[in-house]
N, C-alpha and C. Protein backbone atom coordinates (compact mmCIF):
# COMPACT_ATOMS: atom_id res chain seq x y z
N ASP A 1 -1.76 -6.39 37.60
CA ASP A 1 -3.38 -6.21 36.56
C ASP A 1 -3.65 -7.13 35.44
N LEU A 2 -2.43 -8.68 35.74
CA LEU A 2 -3.38 -9.42 34.88
C LEU A 2 -3.96 -10.38 35.97
N LEU A 3 -3.50 -10.14 37.23
CA LEU A 3 -4.64 -11.16 37.71
C LEU A 3 -6.03 -10.71 37.91
N LEU A 4 -6.03 -9.01 37.91
CA LEU A 4 -7.35 -8.61 38.46
C LEU A 4 -8.18 -8.69 37.20
N SER A 5 -7.40 -8.58 35.54
CA SER A 5 -8.05 -9.17 34.74
C SER A 5 -8.29 -10.36 34.11
N ASN A 6 -7.90 -11.34 34.82
CA ASN A 6 -8.26 -12.42 34.63
C ASN A 6 -7.59 -12.99 33.25
N SER A 7 -6.04 -12.62 32.95
CA SER A 7 -5.69 -12.85 32.05
C SER A 7 -4.25 -13.73 32.46
N CYS A 8 -4.53 -14.06 33.28
CA CYS A 8 -3.38 -15.35 33.81
C CYS A 8 -3.84 -16.18 34.69
N ILE A 9 -3.12 -17.38 34.61
CA ILE A 9 -3.42 -18.29 35.81
C ILE A 9 -2.08 -18.53 36.31
N PRO A 10 -1.69 -18.52 37.53
CA PRO A 10 -0.64 -18.42 38.68
C PRO A 10 -0.48 -19.81 38.60
N PHE A 11 1.17 -19.93 38.74
CA PHE A 11 1.34 -21.54 39.41
C PHE A 11 1.54 -21.44 40.47
N LEU A 12 0.51 -22.38 41.13
CA LEU A 12 0.20 -22.64 42.30
C LEU A 12 1.17 -23.82 42.81
N GLY A 13 1.95 -24.75 41.95
CA GLY A 13 2.43 -26.21 42.40
C GLY A 13 3.85 -25.68 43.21
N SER A 14 4.20 -24.73 43.50
CA SER A 14 5.48 -24.58 44.42
C SER A 14 5.24 -23.54 45.71
N THR A 15 4.77 -23.72 46.63
CA THR A 15 4.87 -22.73 47.76
C THR A 15 6.31 -22.18 48.32
N GLU A 16 6.98 -23.45 48.32
CA GLU A 16 8.20 -23.52 48.95
C GLU A 16 9.08 -22.66 48.69
N GLY A 17 8.87 -21.66 47.67
CA GLY A 17 10.09 -20.94 47.38
C GLY A 17 11.30 -21.48 46.39
N LEU A 18 11.08 -22.18 45.46
CA LEU A 18 12.12 -22.84 45.11
C LEU A 18 13.08 -21.95 44.21
N ASP A 19 13.17 -20.81 44.30
CA ASP A 19 13.92 -20.03 43.22
C ASP A 19 14.19 -20.53 41.81
N PHE A 20 13.40 -20.19 40.96
CA PHE A 20 13.15 -20.66 39.68
C PHE A 20 14.24 -20.00 38.92
N ARG A 21 15.06 -20.86 37.94
CA ARG A 21 16.43 -20.27 37.24
C ARG A 21 16.29 -20.33 36.08
N THR A 22 15.51 -20.99 35.24
CA THR A 22 15.83 -21.28 34.15
C THR A 22 14.34 -21.90 33.22
N LEU A 23 13.88 -21.57 32.06
CA LEU A 23 12.80 -22.63 31.36
C LEU A 23 13.18 -22.91 30.09
N LEU A 24 12.16 -23.70 29.85
CA LEU A 24 12.26 -24.35 28.22
C LEU A 24 10.86 -24.62 27.78
N LEU A 25 10.24 -23.78 27.00
CA LEU A 25 8.98 -24.02 26.14
C LEU A 25 8.97 -25.20 25.36
N ASP A 26 8.05 -26.26 25.35
CA ASP A 26 7.82 -27.24 24.14
C ASP A 26 6.97 -26.90 23.53
N GLU A 27 6.79 -26.01 22.95
CA GLU A 27 5.42 -25.75 21.95
C GLU A 27 5.02 -26.92 21.16
N GLU A 28 5.59 -27.63 20.62
CA GLU A 28 4.98 -28.58 20.01
C GLU A 28 4.13 -29.65 20.88
N ARG A 29 4.69 -29.90 21.96
CA ARG A 29 3.48 -30.37 22.98
C ARG A 29 3.15 -29.98 24.29
N GLY A 30 2.72 -28.66 23.88
CA GLY A 30 2.24 -27.69 25.17
C GLY A 30 2.53 -27.92 26.68
N ARG A 31 3.83 -28.13 26.62
CA ARG A 31 4.67 -27.93 27.90
C ARG A 31 5.58 -27.02 28.01
N LEU A 32 6.31 -26.71 29.50
CA LEU A 32 6.75 -25.58 30.00
C LEU A 32 7.76 -26.70 30.97
N LEU A 33 9.23 -26.59 30.77
CA LEU A 33 9.78 -27.24 32.00
C LEU A 33 10.31 -26.10 32.58
N ILE A 34 10.52 -25.96 33.67
CA ILE A 34 10.90 -24.74 35.00
C ILE A 34 12.09 -25.62 35.66
N GLY A 35 13.31 -25.30 35.66
CA GLY A 35 14.53 -25.50 36.36
C GLY A 35 14.40 -24.65 38.14
N ALA A 36 14.72 -25.47 38.97
CA ALA A 36 14.51 -24.30 40.27
C ALA A 36 15.48 -24.92 41.40
N LYS A 37 15.60 -24.82 42.56
CA LYS A 37 16.49 -25.23 43.37
C LYS A 37 16.06 -26.79 43.89
N ASP A 38 16.62 -27.76 43.27
CA ASP A 38 16.81 -29.21 43.63
C ASP A 38 15.27 -29.34 42.89
N HIS A 39 14.67 -29.07 42.22
CA HIS A 39 13.61 -29.31 41.13
C HIS A 39 13.25 -29.06 39.77
N ILE A 40 12.94 -29.86 39.03
CA ILE A 40 12.35 -29.73 37.63
C ILE A 40 10.96 -30.11 37.59
N PHE A 41 10.22 -28.75 37.04
CA PHE A 41 8.88 -29.29 37.07
C PHE A 41 8.68 -29.12 35.46
N LEU A 42 7.43 -29.98 35.45
CA LEU A 42 7.14 -29.98 33.72
C LEU A 42 5.49 -29.70 33.73
N LEU A 43 5.08 -28.81 33.17
CA LEU A 43 3.97 -28.19 33.13
C LEU A 43 3.09 -27.79 31.66
N ASN A 44 1.70 -28.08 31.81
CA ASN A 44 1.11 -28.01 30.94
C ASN A 44 0.62 -26.79 30.12
N LEU A 45 0.55 -26.07 29.24
CA LEU A 45 0.57 -24.91 29.15
C LEU A 45 -0.84 -24.52 29.22
N ILE A 46 -2.03 -25.02 28.65
CA ILE A 46 -3.05 -24.97 28.70
C ILE A 46 -3.65 -24.57 30.60
N ASP A 47 -2.96 -25.41 31.38
CA ASP A 47 -3.50 -25.09 32.82
C ASP A 47 -1.84 -25.31 33.31
N VAL A 48 -1.32 -24.37 33.71
CA VAL A 48 -0.38 -24.99 34.81
C VAL A 48 -0.34 -25.28 35.99
N ASN A 49 -1.42 -25.81 36.36
CA ASN A 49 -1.77 -26.14 37.79
C ASN A 49 -2.58 -27.61 37.54
N LYS A 50 -2.19 -28.26 36.33
CA LYS A 50 -2.96 -29.54 36.10
C LYS A 50 -1.98 -30.24 35.67
N ASN A 51 -1.99 -31.74 36.42
CA ASN A 51 -0.91 -32.47 35.75
C ASN A 51 0.21 -32.02 36.39
N VAL A 52 0.78 -31.37 37.15
CA VAL A 52 2.32 -30.86 37.04
C VAL A 52 2.97 -31.97 37.65
N LYS A 53 4.41 -32.31 36.80
CA LYS A 53 5.26 -33.23 37.18
C LYS A 53 6.17 -32.58 37.98
N LYS A 54 6.70 -33.24 38.76
CA LYS A 54 8.18 -32.56 39.48
C LYS A 54 9.07 -33.56 39.60
N ILE A 55 10.32 -33.45 39.62
CA ILE A 55 11.45 -34.43 39.51
C ILE A 55 12.51 -33.36 40.84
N TYR A 56 12.69 -34.51 41.63
CA TYR A 56 12.97 -33.97 42.81
C TYR A 56 15.04 -34.38 42.66
N TRP A 57 15.53 -33.68 42.60
CA TRP A 57 17.09 -33.70 42.00
C TRP A 57 17.97 -32.72 42.98
N PRO A 58 18.45 -33.42 44.03
CA PRO A 58 18.89 -32.55 45.03
C PRO A 58 20.41 -32.91 44.85
N ALA A 59 21.58 -32.20 45.28
CA ALA A 59 22.84 -32.12 45.32
C ALA A 59 23.32 -33.64 46.34
N ALA A 60 24.24 -34.35 46.20
CA ALA A 60 24.75 -35.22 46.89
C ALA A 60 24.70 -34.91 48.41
N LYS A 61 24.67 -35.16 49.36
CA LYS A 61 24.77 -34.93 50.90
C LYS A 61 26.17 -34.68 50.75
N GLU A 62 26.96 -35.44 50.74
CA GLU A 62 28.37 -35.16 50.57
C GLU A 62 28.91 -33.67 49.96
N LYS A 63 28.32 -33.64 48.99
CA LYS A 63 28.64 -32.17 47.85
C LYS A 63 28.40 -30.95 48.77
N VAL A 64 26.80 -31.18 49.28
CA VAL A 64 26.44 -30.06 50.29
C VAL A 64 27.22 -29.78 51.80
N GLU A 65 27.79 -31.11 52.27
CA GLU A 65 28.43 -30.85 53.54
C GLU A 65 29.69 -30.04 53.23
N LEU A 66 30.49 -30.41 51.98
CA LEU A 66 31.55 -29.84 51.85
C LEU A 66 31.41 -28.10 50.98
N CYS A 67 30.37 -28.22 50.91
CA CYS A 67 29.83 -26.53 50.21
C CYS A 67 30.21 -25.59 51.59
N LYS A 68 29.51 -26.53 52.58
CA LYS A 68 29.27 -25.71 53.79
C LYS A 68 30.41 -25.48 54.68
N LEU A 69 31.09 -26.41 54.57
CA LEU A 69 32.39 -26.25 54.97
C LEU A 69 33.16 -25.39 54.46
N ALA A 70 33.22 -25.20 53.16
CA ALA A 70 33.86 -24.13 52.55
C ALA A 70 33.31 -22.62 52.81
N GLY A 71 32.07 -22.60 53.30
CA GLY A 71 31.70 -21.50 54.17
C GLY A 71 30.56 -20.87 53.36
N LYS A 72 30.20 -21.37 52.71
CA LYS A 72 28.88 -21.06 51.79
C LYS A 72 27.29 -21.10 52.43
N ASP A 73 26.22 -20.42 51.82
CA ASP A 73 25.28 -20.68 52.84
C ASP A 73 24.54 -21.97 52.32
N ALA A 74 24.37 -22.79 53.21
CA ALA A 74 23.32 -23.79 53.02
C ALA A 74 22.26 -23.58 52.27
N ASN A 75 21.38 -22.33 52.37
CA ASN A 75 20.24 -22.34 52.03
C ASN A 75 20.31 -21.64 50.54
N THR A 76 21.24 -21.02 50.28
CA THR A 76 20.97 -20.06 48.90
C THR A 76 22.41 -20.50 47.94
N GLU A 77 22.98 -21.64 48.33
CA GLU A 77 24.46 -21.79 47.30
C GLU A 77 24.78 -23.53 47.51
N CYS A 78 24.60 -23.62 48.71
CA CYS A 78 24.34 -25.57 48.72
C CYS A 78 23.53 -26.06 48.67
N ALA A 79 23.03 -26.08 47.36
CA ALA A 79 21.87 -26.67 46.46
C ALA A 79 22.13 -27.02 45.26
N ASN A 80 21.18 -27.50 44.63
CA ASN A 80 21.55 -28.20 42.96
C ASN A 80 20.86 -27.25 42.59
N PHE A 81 21.06 -26.04 42.13
CA PHE A 81 20.07 -24.84 41.23
C PHE A 81 20.27 -25.62 39.71
N ILE A 82 19.45 -25.85 39.09
CA ILE A 82 19.04 -26.28 37.94
C ILE A 82 18.93 -24.98 37.16
N ARG A 83 20.28 -24.66 36.02
CA ARG A 83 20.70 -23.65 35.44
C ARG A 83 20.34 -23.91 34.04
N VAL A 84 20.44 -25.27 33.38
CA VAL A 84 20.64 -25.89 31.86
C VAL A 84 19.31 -26.62 31.52
N LEU A 85 18.59 -26.25 30.68
CA LEU A 85 17.66 -27.31 30.31
C LEU A 85 17.79 -26.73 28.79
N GLN A 86 17.86 -28.11 28.13
CA GLN A 86 17.97 -27.78 26.80
C GLN A 86 17.38 -28.96 25.70
N PRO A 87 17.12 -28.96 24.64
CA PRO A 87 16.52 -30.08 23.86
C PRO A 87 17.37 -30.77 23.34
N TYR A 88 17.24 -31.98 23.49
CA TYR A 88 18.79 -32.86 23.05
C TYR A 88 18.23 -33.58 21.95
N ASN A 89 16.94 -34.38 21.97
CA ASN A 89 16.31 -35.26 20.50
C ASN A 89 15.05 -34.66 21.03
N ARG A 90 13.89 -35.31 20.13
CA ARG A 90 12.61 -35.47 20.36
C ARG A 90 11.85 -36.12 21.75
N THR A 91 13.17 -36.98 22.27
CA THR A 91 12.11 -37.69 23.30
C THR A 91 12.95 -37.20 24.80
N HIS A 92 14.23 -36.47 24.95
CA HIS A 92 14.94 -35.75 25.93
C HIS A 92 15.57 -34.89 25.87
N VAL A 93 15.36 -34.44 27.35
CA VAL A 93 16.21 -33.14 27.41
C VAL A 93 17.53 -33.25 28.38
N TYR A 94 18.43 -32.40 27.86
CA TYR A 94 19.53 -32.61 28.42
C TYR A 94 19.58 -31.54 30.14
N VAL A 95 20.08 -31.93 31.00
CA VAL A 95 19.79 -30.94 32.34
C VAL A 95 21.01 -30.59 32.93
N CYS A 96 21.19 -29.48 33.55
CA CYS A 96 22.29 -29.40 34.26
C CYS A 96 22.43 -28.77 35.68
N GLY A 97 22.59 -28.95 36.63
CA GLY A 97 22.44 -28.21 38.01
C GLY A 97 23.67 -28.03 38.53
N THR A 98 24.06 -27.04 39.08
CA THR A 98 24.94 -26.68 39.85
C THR A 98 25.78 -27.74 41.28
N GLY A 99 24.85 -28.65 41.26
CA GLY A 99 25.56 -29.72 42.40
C GLY A 99 26.27 -29.15 43.85
N ALA A 100 25.88 -28.21 44.27
CA ALA A 100 26.49 -27.76 45.16
C ALA A 100 27.92 -27.13 45.04
N PHE A 101 28.02 -26.85 43.69
CA PHE A 101 29.50 -26.53 43.16
C PHE A 101 30.17 -27.37 42.98
N HIS A 102 29.65 -28.75 42.57
CA HIS A 102 30.20 -29.62 42.06
C HIS A 102 29.07 -30.44 40.59
N PRO A 103 28.75 -29.41 39.72
CA PRO A 103 27.84 -29.38 38.67
C PRO A 103 27.79 -30.83 38.08
N LEU A 104 26.42 -31.24 37.66
CA LEU A 104 25.90 -32.36 37.37
C LEU A 104 24.98 -32.31 35.89
N CYS A 105 25.04 -33.20 35.16
CA CYS A 105 24.47 -32.85 34.32
C CYS A 105 23.74 -34.69 33.65
N GLY A 106 22.14 -34.58 33.18
CA GLY A 106 21.86 -35.82 32.74
C GLY A 106 20.71 -35.74 31.77
N TYR A 107 20.19 -36.30 31.45
CA TYR A 107 19.09 -36.33 30.57
C TYR A 107 17.80 -36.87 31.24
N ILE A 108 16.89 -36.13 30.80
CA ILE A 108 15.75 -36.15 31.21
C ILE A 108 14.59 -36.80 30.00
N GLU A 109 14.11 -38.10 29.96
CA GLU A 109 13.37 -38.97 29.14
C GLU A 109 11.76 -38.18 29.14
N LEU A 110 11.06 -37.34 28.40
CA LEU A 110 10.23 -36.42 28.57
C LEU A 110 8.85 -37.42 28.60
N GLY A 111 8.71 -38.97 27.52
CA GLY A 111 7.84 -39.32 27.63
C GLY A 111 6.60 -38.99 27.51
C-alpha cells in the first residue's frame, strides 16, 4: 500500500540480502544508521538512496574458519552481524558485532 500510494522511498542500496539487524536514528543530523551482516550503512533521512555511505566490517577470516569448524553455517552464523549501534558522544557511535561468535566493538566517527 505504501509503495502504491507513493508514501515511501524504498532503500535500494542493498541488493545483497545483508540481513539488517539494528537501527539508530540520528534526527539531529537527519541520518539513519543501519547495522547489517558485515556492513554498517549511513543513510540520509530525506532520500535514503542519495549519498549512501557503507562501512564493510567483516569478521576476521580465522574467526570465520573457527566458526565453520564448530559446525555453524557459514552464511547465516559465521559473519559479523552488527547488533549494537549506540550514540557515544556528538561525534562518535559505539558499534558492536558478533564477529563470527567472537564479539568485537569499536567507535565510528560520524564526521
